[in-house]
Amino acid sequence: MRLRTLLAAAGLDAVGVSVRPGSGTGDPDIGDPELSDFVIASDQVRPGALFGCVPGSRADGHDYAMEAVERGAVAVLCERPLDVPVPQVQVPAARRALGPLAAAFWGHPARSMRVVGVTGTNGKTTTCALLASIFEANGWRAAVIGTLTGERTTPEAPSLQRQLAELRESGTQAVAMEVSSHALDQGRVAGTDFSAGVFTNMSQDHLDYHHTMEAYFGSKAQLFTTGLVRVAIVNREGVWGARLVDLLSGREVPVVTFWAGDASEVESGVHGSSFRWRGRRLELNMPGRFNVSNAVAAATTALELGVGWGPISDGLASVPPVRGRFQLVDEGQPFGVLVDFAHTPAALAEALRAARELTVRQPGRAEDQAGRVILVFGAGGDRDRAKRPLMGKVASELADIVVITSDNPRHEQPLAIIEEVAGGAGGPVAPLVDVDRARAIGGALGAARAGDVVLIAGKGHETGQDFGTHVEPFDDAVVARDALRQLHQDGAQDCHQVGTQERDNPRRVGAK
């Protein structure tokens, strides 16, 4: 595709966009080169590429334009004139132009498939997995784009459209895509045609980026208000869901609502759940009531896309557990161990309530013979600090034993983060502190007894721990499995001080 043809296809040949010849060329005909690729990272440039100069928080793509040209770029997308010997497409905001250009360059791949965009604070990853399983059960070759498939929840526009094009060429018929608030705010999905958009929920998160809940909501709402989706599937529960329904009322995009209360007769165990919805009994290969809500979101969306009840039932029943999402770690121990990505106050509360439902009463035991919920969690560094004490409050109110540990400290001091989390713990449980995450997990498992549930929250699927200057290998599920095997070998159930910490005996473990 030639440059000017691409601009026309992307709708960028109007006022506000100019194409300048390369500096020093003086040749007006040089402004329409043949393009073979479109990238925004200079080290990915190959001969014939269009290079997008995108200003970022740490680096500005304009500073790498000459390097891109030296690597073979034949044109650049920029916001200001550059001293490079190739045509320059100057636009008011380079990032906003990426989506339409990338979609046009790869032939609008989303138009050839059923693409569903899922946004929300929690539940995106699981809902996408459920949708993909339903699509496959319906005979549609399906794929997922999201947290578990790439470096970013939602790729930058050129990478996203390239990936969609590759999926189209491979015969994929349906795609379930996580759409983050960052992606919406930065226009990464602009130019993508979504068959449906799903809003799962919204609660406090990412205020380090959005600063206010209003701005956070505004970013989420963009998926449904910019003409990207053909139908909006909205969880009407809660303040923000209700606001989104009101916002969309009277607009051209049809709105279909759902909420967790649509499911009845919910039964949940460590290996899965079942519930009744619209008169039918459905089985789900995932524990936790919040996953029932995700299943209702997926089923509602599938029905709107014309999928029948058989594939919906089969898809929900056959989806494998999602890595790091209320993931069961089972080594034959007499108590439950679950790894979950919960890293917001609302998600942590949901996970703890779900864990409580999975505890098992043991005959002949004091304390009403009830199993306990033991929580190990932390908070990430260089992220929304305001949610830290809120998470501490939730933990101390809903768990029986709380161990606060390090998560991904990044460029902050782990103990400083832990203290902020612990500062909100005003409930009946005084938290324990152990900055060593592996030791904290091992101690919690060592304290568990038959009928308890140990919830390890915060990192979920992640396989590394980020210390800012480096990332060390760390997988909560792997660490928990190794610790359980060691406990089995040792025959020990009290290998750590945390075993003495209960509601009626509050004290802190010394942190180092």
Protein backbone atom coordinates (compact mmCIF):
# COMPACT_ATOMS: atom_id res chain seq x y z
CA MET A 1 0.00 0.00 0.00
CA ARG A 2 1.25 3.46 -0.88
CA LEU A 3 1.39 6.12 1.81
CA ARG A 4 -1.29 8.42 0.39
CA THR A 5 -3.60 5.48 -0.25
CA LEU A 6 -3.19 4.45 3.38
CA LEU A 7 -3.98 7.94 4.63
CA ALA A 8 -7.16 7.99 2.58
CA ALA A 9 -8.20 4.52 3.77
CA ALA A 10 -7.66 5.60 7.38
CA GLY A 11 -9.59 8.84 6.91
CA LEU A 12 -6.50 10.91 7.65
CA ASP A 13 -6.29 12.77 4.36
CA ALA A 14 -8.47 15.57 5.72
CA VAL A 15 -7.69 18.94 7.29
CA GLY A 16 -5.09 18.83 10.05
CA VAL A 17 -2.87 16.24 8.40
CA SER A 18 -0.01 17.18 6.11
CA VAL A 19 2.55 15.18 4.19
CA ARG A 20 5.91 16.87 3.87
CA PRO A 21 8.78 15.64 1.69
CA GLY A 22 11.94 14.55 3.40
CA SER A 23 14.30 17.30 4.43
CA GLY A 24 16.78 18.17 1.71
CA THR A 25 15.05 16.15 -1.02
CA GLY A 26 13.09 18.87 -2.81
CA ASP A 27 11.23 16.15 -4.71
CA PRO A 28 7.42 16.34 -4.31
CA ASP A 29 6.97 12.85 -5.77
CA ILE A 30 8.93 11.28 -2.95
CA GLY A 31 5.92 11.82 -0.67
CA ASP A 32 4.12 8.61 -1.70
CA PRO A 33 6.38 5.60 -1.02
CA GLU A 34 5.29 1.97 -1.00
CA LEU A 35 4.89 0.71 2.56
CA SER A 36 5.62 -2.82 3.75
CA ASP A 37 5.12 -2.46 7.51
CA PHE A 38 3.99 -0.11 10.28
CA VAL A 39 5.77 0.00 13.66
CA ILE A 40 6.40 2.35 16.58
CA ALA A 41 9.60 0.79 17.96
CA SER A 42 12.76 1.73 16.10
CA ASP A 43 14.38 -1.64 16.73
CA GLN A 44 11.47 -3.32 14.90
CA VAL A 45 11.89 -1.28 11.72
CA ARG A 46 12.59 -3.16 8.53
CA PRO A 47 13.04 -1.76 5.01
CA GLY A 48 9.83 -0.21 3.69
CA ALA A 49 8.28 0.53 7.07
CA LEU A 50 6.24 3.50 8.21
CA PHE A 51 7.61 4.56 11.59
CA GLY A 52 5.26 6.14 14.14
CA CYS A 53 6.91 8.73 16.39
CA VAL A 54 4.92 8.40 19.61
CA PRO A 55 5.70 10.59 22.63
CA GLY A 56 5.78 8.52 25.82
CA SER A 57 6.32 9.00 29.52
CA ARG A 58 9.93 7.80 29.36
CA ALA A 59 10.95 8.29 25.73
CA ASP A 60 9.82 10.21 22.68
CA GLY A 61 9.66 8.38 19.37
CA HIS A 62 10.61 11.56 17.54
CA ASP A 63 14.10 11.18 19.00
CA TYR A 64 14.44 7.82 17.23
CA ALA A 65 13.22 8.89 13.80
CA MET A 66 16.68 9.04 12.22
CA GLU A 67 17.57 5.64 13.65
CA ALA A 68 14.37 4.27 12.12
CA VAL A 69 15.25 5.78 8.74
CA GLU A 70 18.73 4.29 8.92
CA ARG A 71 17.12 0.91 9.53
CA GLY A 72 14.98 1.30 6.40
CA ALA A 73 11.88 3.34 7.30
CA VAL A 74 10.56 5.09 4.17
CA ALA A 75 8.16 7.47 5.98
CA VAL A 76 7.45 8.72 9.48
CA LEU A 77 4.29 9.67 11.35
CA CYS A 78 5.07 12.64 13.57
CA GLU A 79 3.69 15.63 15.45
CA ARG A 80 6.38 18.14 14.48
CA PRO A 81 8.78 18.63 11.55
CA LEU A 82 11.82 16.39 11.66
CA ASP A 83 15.20 16.54 9.96
CA VAL A 84 14.94 13.18 8.18
CA PRO A 85 15.20 12.45 4.43
CA VAL A 86 11.85 10.66 4.11
CA PRO A 87 8.21 11.84 3.84
CA GLN A 88 6.68 13.03 7.11
CA VAL A 89 3.00 12.63 7.92
CA GLN A 90 2.41 15.36 10.47
CA VAL A 91 -0.69 14.99 12.66
CA PRO A 92 -1.89 16.79 15.81
CA ALA A 93 -1.61 13.63 17.95
CA ALA A 94 0.42 10.70 16.67
CA ARG A 95 -0.98 8.18 19.14
CA ARG A 96 -4.56 8.97 18.11
CA ALA A 97 -3.68 8.33 14.46
CA LEU A 98 -2.10 4.92 15.10
CA GLY A 99 -5.33 2.92 15.40
CA PRO A 100 -7.04 4.03 12.17
CA LEU A 101 -3.76 3.80 10.23
CA ALA A 102 -2.92 0.33 11.55
CA ALA A 103 -6.43 -1.00 10.94
CA ALA A 104 -6.38 0.32 7.38
CA PHE A 105 -2.85 -0.94 6.73
CA TRP A 106 -3.83 -4.51 7.65
CA GLY A 107 -7.15 -4.38 5.86
CA HIS A 108 -9.46 -3.87 8.86
CA PRO A 109 -9.07 -7.45 10.10
CA ALA A 110 -11.72 -7.17 12.84
CA ARG A 111 -14.41 -6.80 10.16
CA SER A 112 -13.73 -10.37 9.02
CA MET A 113 -14.22 -11.88 12.50
CA ARG A 114 -16.49 -11.60 15.52
CA VAL A 115 -14.39 -9.53 17.91
CA VAL A 116 -15.64 -8.92 21.44
CA GLY A 117 -13.98 -6.27 23.61
CA VAL A 118 -14.20 -6.78 27.37
CA THR A 119 -13.44 -3.90 29.73
CA GLY A 120 -13.80 -3.51 33.50
CA THR A 121 -11.68 -3.39 36.62
CA ASN A 122 -12.05 -7.11 37.33
CA GLY A 123 -13.11 -10.16 35.38
CA LYS A 124 -11.73 -9.31 31.95
CA THR A 125 -9.35 -12.27 31.67
CA THR A 126 -11.85 -14.86 32.88
CA THR A 127 -14.72 -13.49 30.82
CA CYS A 128 -12.55 -13.66 27.69
CA ALA A 129 -11.60 -17.26 28.47
CA LEU A 130 -15.26 -18.16 28.93
CA LEU A 131 -16.22 -16.46 25.67
CA ALA A 132 -13.49 -18.24 23.73
CA SER A 133 -14.62 -21.60 25.11
CA ILE A 134 -18.24 -20.89 24.14
CA PHE A 135 -17.17 -19.80 20.65
CA GLU A 136 -15.15 -22.98 20.17
CA ALA A 137 -18.12 -25.07 21.34
CA ASN A 138 -20.19 -23.26 18.71
CA GLY A 139 -17.76 -24.35 16.00
CA TRP A 140 -16.00 -21.00 15.67
CA ARG A 141 -12.23 -21.10 15.76
CA ALA A 142 -11.48 -18.68 18.58
CA ALA A 143 -8.58 -16.77 20.10
CA VAL A 144 -7.96 -14.56 23.12
CA ILE A 145 -5.94 -11.34 23.31
CA GLY A 146 -5.19 -10.13 26.80
CA THR A 147 -3.19 -10.30 30.00
CA LEU A 148 -2.13 -13.91 29.51
CA THR A 149 -1.15 -13.60 25.84
CA GLY A 150 1.22 -10.64 25.69
CA GLU A 151 3.32 -8.06 27.45
CA ARG A 152 0.38 -5.66 27.71
CA THR A 153 -3.27 -6.34 28.44
CA THR A 154 -4.13 -4.57 25.18
CA PRO A 155 -1.29 -4.22 22.64
CA GLU A 156 -0.37 -0.93 21.01
CA ALA A 157 -2.42 -0.30 17.88
CA PRO A 158 0.09 -1.45 15.22
CA SER A 159 0.81 -4.68 17.13
CA LEU A 160 -2.88 -5.26 17.81
CA GLN A 161 -3.95 -4.89 14.19
CA ARG A 162 -1.06 -7.04 13.00
CA GLN A 163 -2.10 -9.74 15.48
CA LEU A 164 -5.73 -9.54 14.37
CA ALA A 165 -4.62 -9.82 10.74
CA GLU A 166 -2.54 -12.90 11.54
CA LEU A 167 -5.52 -14.45 13.32
CA ARG A 168 -7.73 -13.71 10.33
CA GLU A 169 -5.26 -15.34 7.97
CA SER A 170 -5.04 -18.42 10.21
CA GLY A 171 -8.79 -18.98 9.95
CA THR A 172 -9.83 -17.55 13.31
CA GLN A 173 -13.50 -16.63 13.35
CA ALA A 174 -13.95 -15.09 16.81
CA VAL A 175 -11.69 -13.13 19.17
CA ALA A 176 -12.27 -12.25 22.81
CA MET A 177 -10.10 -9.24 23.68
CA GLU A 178 -9.35 -7.55 26.99
CA VAL A 179 -9.56 -3.78 26.58
CA SER A 180 -7.84 -1.87 29.37
CA SER A 181 -8.63 1.68 30.47
CA HIS A 182 -5.08 2.67 29.46
CA ALA A 183 -5.69 1.30 25.97
CA LEU A 184 -8.94 3.21 25.63
CA ASP A 185 -7.42 6.44 26.92
CA GLN A 186 -4.50 6.10 24.50
CA GLY A 187 -6.61 5.10 21.51
CA ARG A 188 -5.03 1.67 21.03
CA VAL A 189 -8.29 0.06 19.85
CA ALA A 190 -9.35 2.95 17.61
CA GLY A 191 -10.19 1.58 14.19
CA THR A 192 -11.22 -1.82 15.57
CA ASP A 193 -14.73 -3.01 14.76
CA PHE A 194 -16.14 -4.81 17.79
CA SER A 195 -19.15 -7.07 17.35
CA ALA A 196 -19.86 -6.48 21.04
CA GLY A 197 -18.40 -4.61 23.99
CA VAL A 198 -18.70 -5.95 27.54
CA PHE A 199 -18.52 -3.97 30.78
CA THR A 200 -17.85 -6.30 33.72
CA ASN A 201 -17.63 -3.86 36.65
CA MET A 202 -15.65 -0.90 37.94
CA SER A 203 -13.99 -0.16 41.26
CA GLN A 204 -10.91 1.75 42.39
CA ASP A 205 -7.73 1.00 40.48
CA HIS A 206 -5.17 2.74 38.27
CA LEU A 207 -5.61 6.13 39.93
CA ASP A 208 -1.86 6.60 39.58
CA TYR A 209 -2.68 7.00 35.87
CA HIS A 210 -6.25 8.34 35.75
CA HIS A 211 -6.07 10.34 39.02
CA THR A 212 -9.85 10.36 39.55
CA MET A 213 -12.62 7.78 39.36
CA GLU A 214 -14.47 10.07 36.95
CA ALA A 215 -11.55 9.99 34.52
CA TYR A 216 -11.21 6.24 34.99
CA PHE A 217 -14.90 5.78 34.18
CA GLY A 218 -14.62 8.11 31.21
CA SER A 219 -11.88 5.95 29.75
CA LYS A 220 -13.90 2.76 30.21
CA ALA A 221 -16.98 4.37 28.68
CA GLN A 222 -15.08 5.23 25.48
CA LEU A 223 -15.44 1.63 24.33
CA PHE A 224 -19.20 2.16 24.10
CA THR A 225 -19.46 5.81 23.10
CA THR A 226 -17.14 6.14 20.12
CA GLY A 227 -18.97 3.94 17.64
CA LEU A 228 -16.61 1.01 18.16
CA VAL A 229 -19.21 -1.58 19.20
CA ARG A 230 -22.39 -2.89 17.62
CA VAL A 231 -23.98 -3.89 20.94
CA ALA A 232 -23.09 -3.04 24.55
CA ILE A 233 -23.34 -5.77 27.21
CA VAL A 234 -23.33 -3.96 30.55
CA ASN A 235 -23.26 -5.20 34.14
CA ARG A 236 -25.83 -2.82 35.61
CA GLU A 237 -24.88 -3.66 39.20
CA GLY A 238 -23.22 -0.88 41.18
CA VAL A 239 -22.94 2.85 40.75
CA TRP A 240 -20.71 2.79 37.69
CA GLY A 241 -22.66 0.16 35.81
CA ALA A 242 -25.87 2.12 36.37
CA ARG A 243 -24.14 5.30 35.18
CA LEU A 244 -22.96 3.60 32.02
CA VAL A 245 -26.49 2.38 31.27
CA ASP A 246 -27.79 5.94 31.74
CA LEU A 247 -24.99 7.35 29.59
CA LEU A 248 -25.82 4.99 26.74
CA SER A 249 -29.59 5.44 26.89
CA GLY A 250 -30.90 7.04 23.74
CA ARG A 251 -27.75 6.38 21.77
CA GLU A 252 -27.55 4.31 18.61
CA VAL A 253 -25.70 1.39 20.20
CA PRO A 254 -28.22 -1.08 21.69
CA VAL A 255 -27.64 -1.95 25.35
CA VAL A 256 -28.23 -5.34 26.98
CA THR A 257 -27.79 -5.48 30.75
CA PHE A 258 -27.04 -8.25 33.22
CA TRP A 259 -26.02 -8.64 36.86
CA ALA A 260 -24.90 -11.40 39.21
CA GLY A 261 -28.41 -11.67 40.64
CA ASP A 262 -29.60 -13.07 37.31
CA ALA A 263 -28.06 -16.37 38.45
CA SER A 264 -29.86 -18.33 41.14
CA GLU A 265 -29.35 -21.57 43.07
CA VAL A 266 -25.59 -21.00 43.01
CA GLU A 267 -23.46 -23.83 44.32
CA SER A 268 -19.68 -23.51 44.54
CA GLY A 269 -16.84 -25.81 45.55
CA VAL A 270 -13.09 -25.74 45.09
CA HIS A 271 -13.37 -27.54 41.77
CA GLY A 272 -16.21 -25.57 40.20
CA SER A 273 -19.66 -24.02 40.39
CA SER A 274 -23.17 -24.51 39.11
CA PHE A 275 -26.11 -22.14 38.85
CA ARG A 276 -29.48 -21.60 37.23
CA TRP A 277 -29.81 -18.86 34.62
CA ARG A 278 -32.81 -18.10 32.44
CA GLY A 279 -34.39 -21.37 33.47
CA ARG A 280 -31.39 -23.56 32.65
CA ARG A 281 -28.86 -25.26 34.92
CA LEU A 282 -25.29 -24.44 33.91
CA GLU A 283 -22.01 -25.93 35.13
CA LEU A 284 -18.81 -23.95 35.42
CA ASN A 285 -15.34 -25.41 35.79
CA MET A 286 -14.35 -22.55 38.13
CA PRO A 287 -15.02 -21.85 41.81
CA GLY A 288 -16.27 -18.56 43.23
CA ARG A 289 -19.47 -16.56 42.93
CA PHE A 290 -17.68 -13.76 41.10
CA ASN A 291 -16.90 -16.26 38.35
CA VAL A 292 -20.62 -16.97 38.08
CA SER A 293 -21.04 -13.27 37.29
CA ASN A 294 -18.32 -13.58 34.63
CA ALA A 295 -20.12 -16.59 33.21
CA VAL A 296 -23.39 -14.65 33.01
CA ALA A 297 -21.55 -11.87 31.16
CA ALA A 298 -20.12 -14.35 28.66
CA ALA A 299 -23.43 -16.18 28.19
CA THR A 300 -25.35 -12.93 27.69
CA THR A 301 -22.84 -11.81 25.07
CA ALA A 302 -22.91 -15.15 23.27
CA LEU A 303 -26.70 -15.11 23.02
CA GLU A 304 -26.57 -11.63 21.49
CA LEU A 305 -24.10 -12.91 18.89
CA GLY A 306 -26.44 -15.72 17.91
CA VAL A 307 -24.86 -18.62 19.82
CA GLY A 308 -27.32 -21.28 20.95
CA TRP A 309 -27.87 -22.72 24.41
CA GLY A 310 -26.04 -25.96 23.67
CA PRO A 311 -22.67 -24.34 22.90
CA ILE A 312 -23.10 -21.92 25.82
CA SER A 313 -23.67 -24.81 28.23
CA ASP A 314 -20.88 -26.92 26.74
CA GLY A 315 -18.46 -23.98 26.59
CA LEU A 316 -18.95 -23.01 30.22
CA ALA A 317 -18.63 -26.61 31.40
CA SER A 318 -15.45 -27.31 29.44
CA VAL A 319 -13.38 -24.16 29.90
CA PRO A 320 -10.17 -25.01 31.78
CA PRO A 321 -9.29 -23.06 34.93
CA VAL A 322 -7.68 -19.74 34.06
CA ARG A 323 -4.12 -19.41 35.28
CA GLY A 324 -3.88 -17.13 38.29
CA ARG A 325 -7.64 -16.54 38.51
CA PHE A 326 -8.87 -18.33 41.65
CA GLN A 327 -6.55 -21.12 40.54
CA LEU A 328 -6.62 -24.24 42.70
CA VAL A 329 -3.26 -25.65 43.82
CA ASP A 330 -3.88 -29.23 44.87
CA GLU A 331 -1.23 -31.57 46.23
CA GLY A 332 -3.68 -33.72 48.16
CA GLN A 333 -3.67 -31.45 51.23
CA PRO A 334 -6.81 -31.37 53.45
CA PHE A 335 -7.34 -27.63 52.88
CA GLY A 336 -7.88 -25.44 49.85
CA VAL A 337 -5.15 -23.33 48.29
CA LEU A 338 -6.11 -20.71 45.72
CA VAL A 339 -3.96 -18.26 43.74
CA ASP A 340 -5.73 -15.17 42.50
CA PHE A 341 -4.79 -11.95 40.72
CA ALA A 342 -6.96 -9.82 43.06
CA HIS A 343 -5.05 -6.56 43.48
CA THR A 344 -7.84 -4.06 44.14
CA PRO A 345 -10.01 -3.65 47.24
CA ALA A 346 -13.14 -4.84 45.45
CA ALA A 347 -11.46 -7.84 43.85
CA LEU A 348 -9.85 -8.84 47.13
CA ALA A 349 -13.20 -8.63 48.92
CA GLU A 350 -14.87 -10.79 46.27
CA ALA A 351 -12.09 -13.37 46.44
CA LEU A 352 -12.21 -13.51 50.24
CA ARG A 353 -15.99 -13.93 50.29
CA ALA A 354 -15.71 -16.68 47.71
CA ALA A 355 -12.95 -18.34 49.74
CA ARG A 356 -15.17 -18.21 52.83
CA GLU A 357 -17.83 -20.20 51.00
CA LEU A 358 -15.29 -22.91 50.26
CA THR A 359 -14.20 -23.51 53.86
CA VAL A 360 -15.36 -26.79 55.37
CA ARG A 361 -16.63 -27.34 58.90
CA GLN A 362 -14.77 -30.03 60.80
CA PRO A 363 -16.53 -32.12 63.45
CA GLY A 364 -15.25 -31.98 67.01
CA ARG A 365 -13.47 -28.66 66.60
CA ALA A 366 -13.93 -25.49 68.60
CA GLU A 367 -14.66 -22.09 67.04
CA ASP A 368 -18.02 -23.37 65.77
CA GLN A 369 -16.09 -26.05 63.88
CA ALA A 370 -15.61 -23.65 60.96
CA GLY A 371 -12.75 -23.64 58.54
CA ARG A 372 -10.70 -20.44 58.38
CA VAL A 373 -9.66 -18.14 55.58
CA ILE A 374 -5.91 -17.44 55.56
CA LEU A 375 -4.78 -14.62 53.31
CA VAL A 376 -1.33 -13.83 51.90
CA PHE A 377 -1.17 -10.63 49.85
CA GLY A 378 0.64 -7.38 49.18
CA ALA A 379 0.42 -4.34 46.91
CA GLY A 380 2.48 -3.33 43.91
CA GLY A 381 4.93 -0.45 43.96
CA ASP A 382 4.74 2.55 41.61
CA ARG A 383 0.98 2.08 41.39
CA ASP A 384 -2.17 3.55 42.96
CA ARG A 385 -1.17 4.17 46.59
CA ALA A 386 -4.67 5.18 47.69
CA LYS A 387 -5.95 1.62 47.39
CA ARG A 388 -3.33 0.15 49.74
CA PRO A 389 -4.98 0.93 53.09
CA LEU A 390 -8.35 0.00 51.58
CA MET A 391 -6.98 -3.44 50.79
CA GLY A 392 -5.63 -3.73 54.33
CA LYS A 393 -9.08 -2.88 55.69
CA VAL A 394 -10.78 -5.49 53.51
CA ALA A 395 -8.24 -8.14 54.52
CA SER A 396 -8.58 -7.54 58.26
CA GLU A 397 -12.37 -7.61 58.05
CA LEU A 398 -12.85 -10.69 55.86
CA ALA A 399 -9.94 -13.06 56.65
CA ASP A 400 -9.12 -14.97 59.84
CA ILE A 401 -5.35 -14.82 59.41
CA VAL A 402 -3.71 -12.06 57.37
CA VAL A 403 -0.10 -12.08 56.19
CA ILE A 404 1.01 -8.93 54.36
CA THR A 405 4.05 -9.49 52.19
CA SER A 406 5.89 -8.02 49.22
CA ASP A 407 4.24 -8.03 45.81
CA ASN A 408 6.05 -6.21 42.98
CA PRO A 409 7.81 -3.40 44.86
CA ARG A 410 9.34 -1.99 41.69
CA HIS A 411 11.12 1.24 42.68
CA GLU A 412 9.62 1.49 46.17
CA GLN A 413 10.79 0.00 49.46
CA PRO A 414 8.79 -3.19 50.16
CA LEU A 415 8.35 -2.44 53.86
CA ALA A 416 7.08 1.06 53.11
CA ILE A 417 4.37 -0.41 50.89
CA ILE A 418 3.53 -3.04 53.50
CA GLU A 419 3.15 -0.37 56.18
CA GLU A 420 0.70 1.57 54.00
CA VAL A 421 -1.36 -1.58 53.50
CA ALA A 422 -1.24 -2.45 57.19
CA GLY A 423 -2.25 1.09 58.08
CA GLY A 424 -5.78 0.39 56.88
CA ALA A 425 -6.18 -2.87 58.77
CA GLY A 426 -8.61 -1.71 61.44
CA GLY A 427 -10.68 -4.87 61.57
CA PRO A 428 -10.64 -7.65 64.18
CA VAL A 429 -7.53 -9.31 62.71
CA ALA A 430 -4.11 -7.81 63.36
CA PRO A 431 -2.00 -8.51 60.28
CA LEU A 432 1.29 -10.35 60.26
CA VAL A 433 4.17 -9.04 58.19
CA ASP A 434 6.80 -11.01 56.33
CA VAL A 435 8.52 -9.19 53.50
CA ASP A 436 9.78 -12.49 52.01
CA ARG A 437 6.88 -13.61 49.82
CA ALA A 438 8.00 -17.24 49.50
CA ARG A 439 8.41 -17.54 53.26
CA ALA A 440 5.05 -15.86 53.84
CA ILE A 441 3.36 -18.37 51.55
CA GLY A 442 5.12 -21.30 53.18
CA GLY A 443 4.17 -20.06 56.63
CA ALA A 444 0.51 -19.62 55.72
CA LEU A 445 0.37 -23.12 54.30
CA GLY A 446 2.09 -24.47 57.37
CA ALA A 447 -0.59 -22.85 59.55
CA ALA A 448 -3.51 -24.24 57.56
CA ARG A 449 -5.51 -27.18 58.84
CA ALA A 450 -8.27 -29.35 57.45
CA GLY A 451 -11.21 -27.33 56.16
CA ASP A 452 -9.31 -24.04 55.82
CA VAL A 453 -8.76 -22.10 52.61
CA VAL A 454 -5.50 -20.29 51.92
CA LEU A 455 -5.85 -17.43 49.44
CA ILE A 456 -2.62 -16.12 47.85
CA ALA A 457 -3.58 -12.86 46.18
CA GLY A 458 -2.07 -10.11 44.07
CA LYS A 459 0.21 -11.66 41.48
CA GLY A 460 -1.93 -14.40 40.00
CA HIS A 461 -0.49 -15.56 36.69
CA GLU A 462 2.74 -13.57 36.95
CA THR A 463 5.99 -15.50 36.76
CA GLY A 464 8.33 -12.82 38.07
CA GLN A 465 8.71 -10.36 40.92
CA ASP A 466 9.59 -6.84 39.79
CA PHE A 467 12.18 -5.02 41.92
CA GLY A 468 12.50 -2.03 39.62
CA THR A 469 16.06 -2.67 38.50
CA HIS A 470 15.48 -6.36 37.80
CA VAL A 471 12.84 -9.07 37.78
CA GLU A 472 13.35 -12.28 39.69
CA PRO A 473 11.52 -15.51 38.78
CA PHE A 474 8.50 -15.97 41.05
CA ASP A 475 5.25 -17.84 40.47
CA ASP A 476 2.78 -18.00 43.38
CA ALA A 477 1.33 -21.31 42.20
CA VAL A 478 4.76 -22.91 41.79
CA VAL A 479 5.96 -21.61 45.16
CA ALA A 480 2.78 -22.86 46.85
CA ARG A 481 3.05 -26.27 45.21
CA ASP A 482 6.67 -26.66 46.27
CA ALA A 483 5.80 -25.61 49.83
CA LEU A 484 2.94 -28.12 49.98
CA ARG A 485 5.20 -30.90 48.82
CA GLN A 486 7.76 -29.93 51.44
CA LEU A 487 5.07 -29.95 54.13
CA HIS A 488 4.01 -33.39 53.02
CA GLN A 489 7.59 -34.62 53.21
CA ASP A 490 8.17 -33.07 56.61
CA GLY A 491 4.78 -34.05 58.00
CA ALA A 492 4.70 -30.60 59.58
CA GLN A 493 1.78 -28.27 60.07
CA ASP A 494 3.44 -25.64 62.28
CA CYS A 495 6.66 -24.77 60.51
CA HIS A 496 6.32 -21.01 60.90
CA GLN A 497 5.37 -18.43 63.49
CA VAL A 498 2.28 -17.49 61.54
CA GLY A 499 0.62 -20.62 62.86
CA THR A 500 0.07 -19.00 66.24
CA GLN A 501 -1.68 -15.93 64.87
CA GLU A 502 -5.47 -16.12 65.14
CA ARG A 503 -8.35 -13.80 65.95
CA ASP A 504 -8.00 -14.25 69.72
CA ASN A 505 -4.20 -13.99 69.76
CA PRO A 506 -3.13 -11.01 67.66
CA ARG A 507 0.55 -10.27 67.29
CA ARG A 508 2.92 -9.41 64.50
CA VAL A 509 5.70 -11.47 63.06
CA GLY A 510 8.89 -9.44 62.95
CA ALA A 511 9.75 -8.31 59.44
CA LYS A 512 13.21 -7.94 58.12
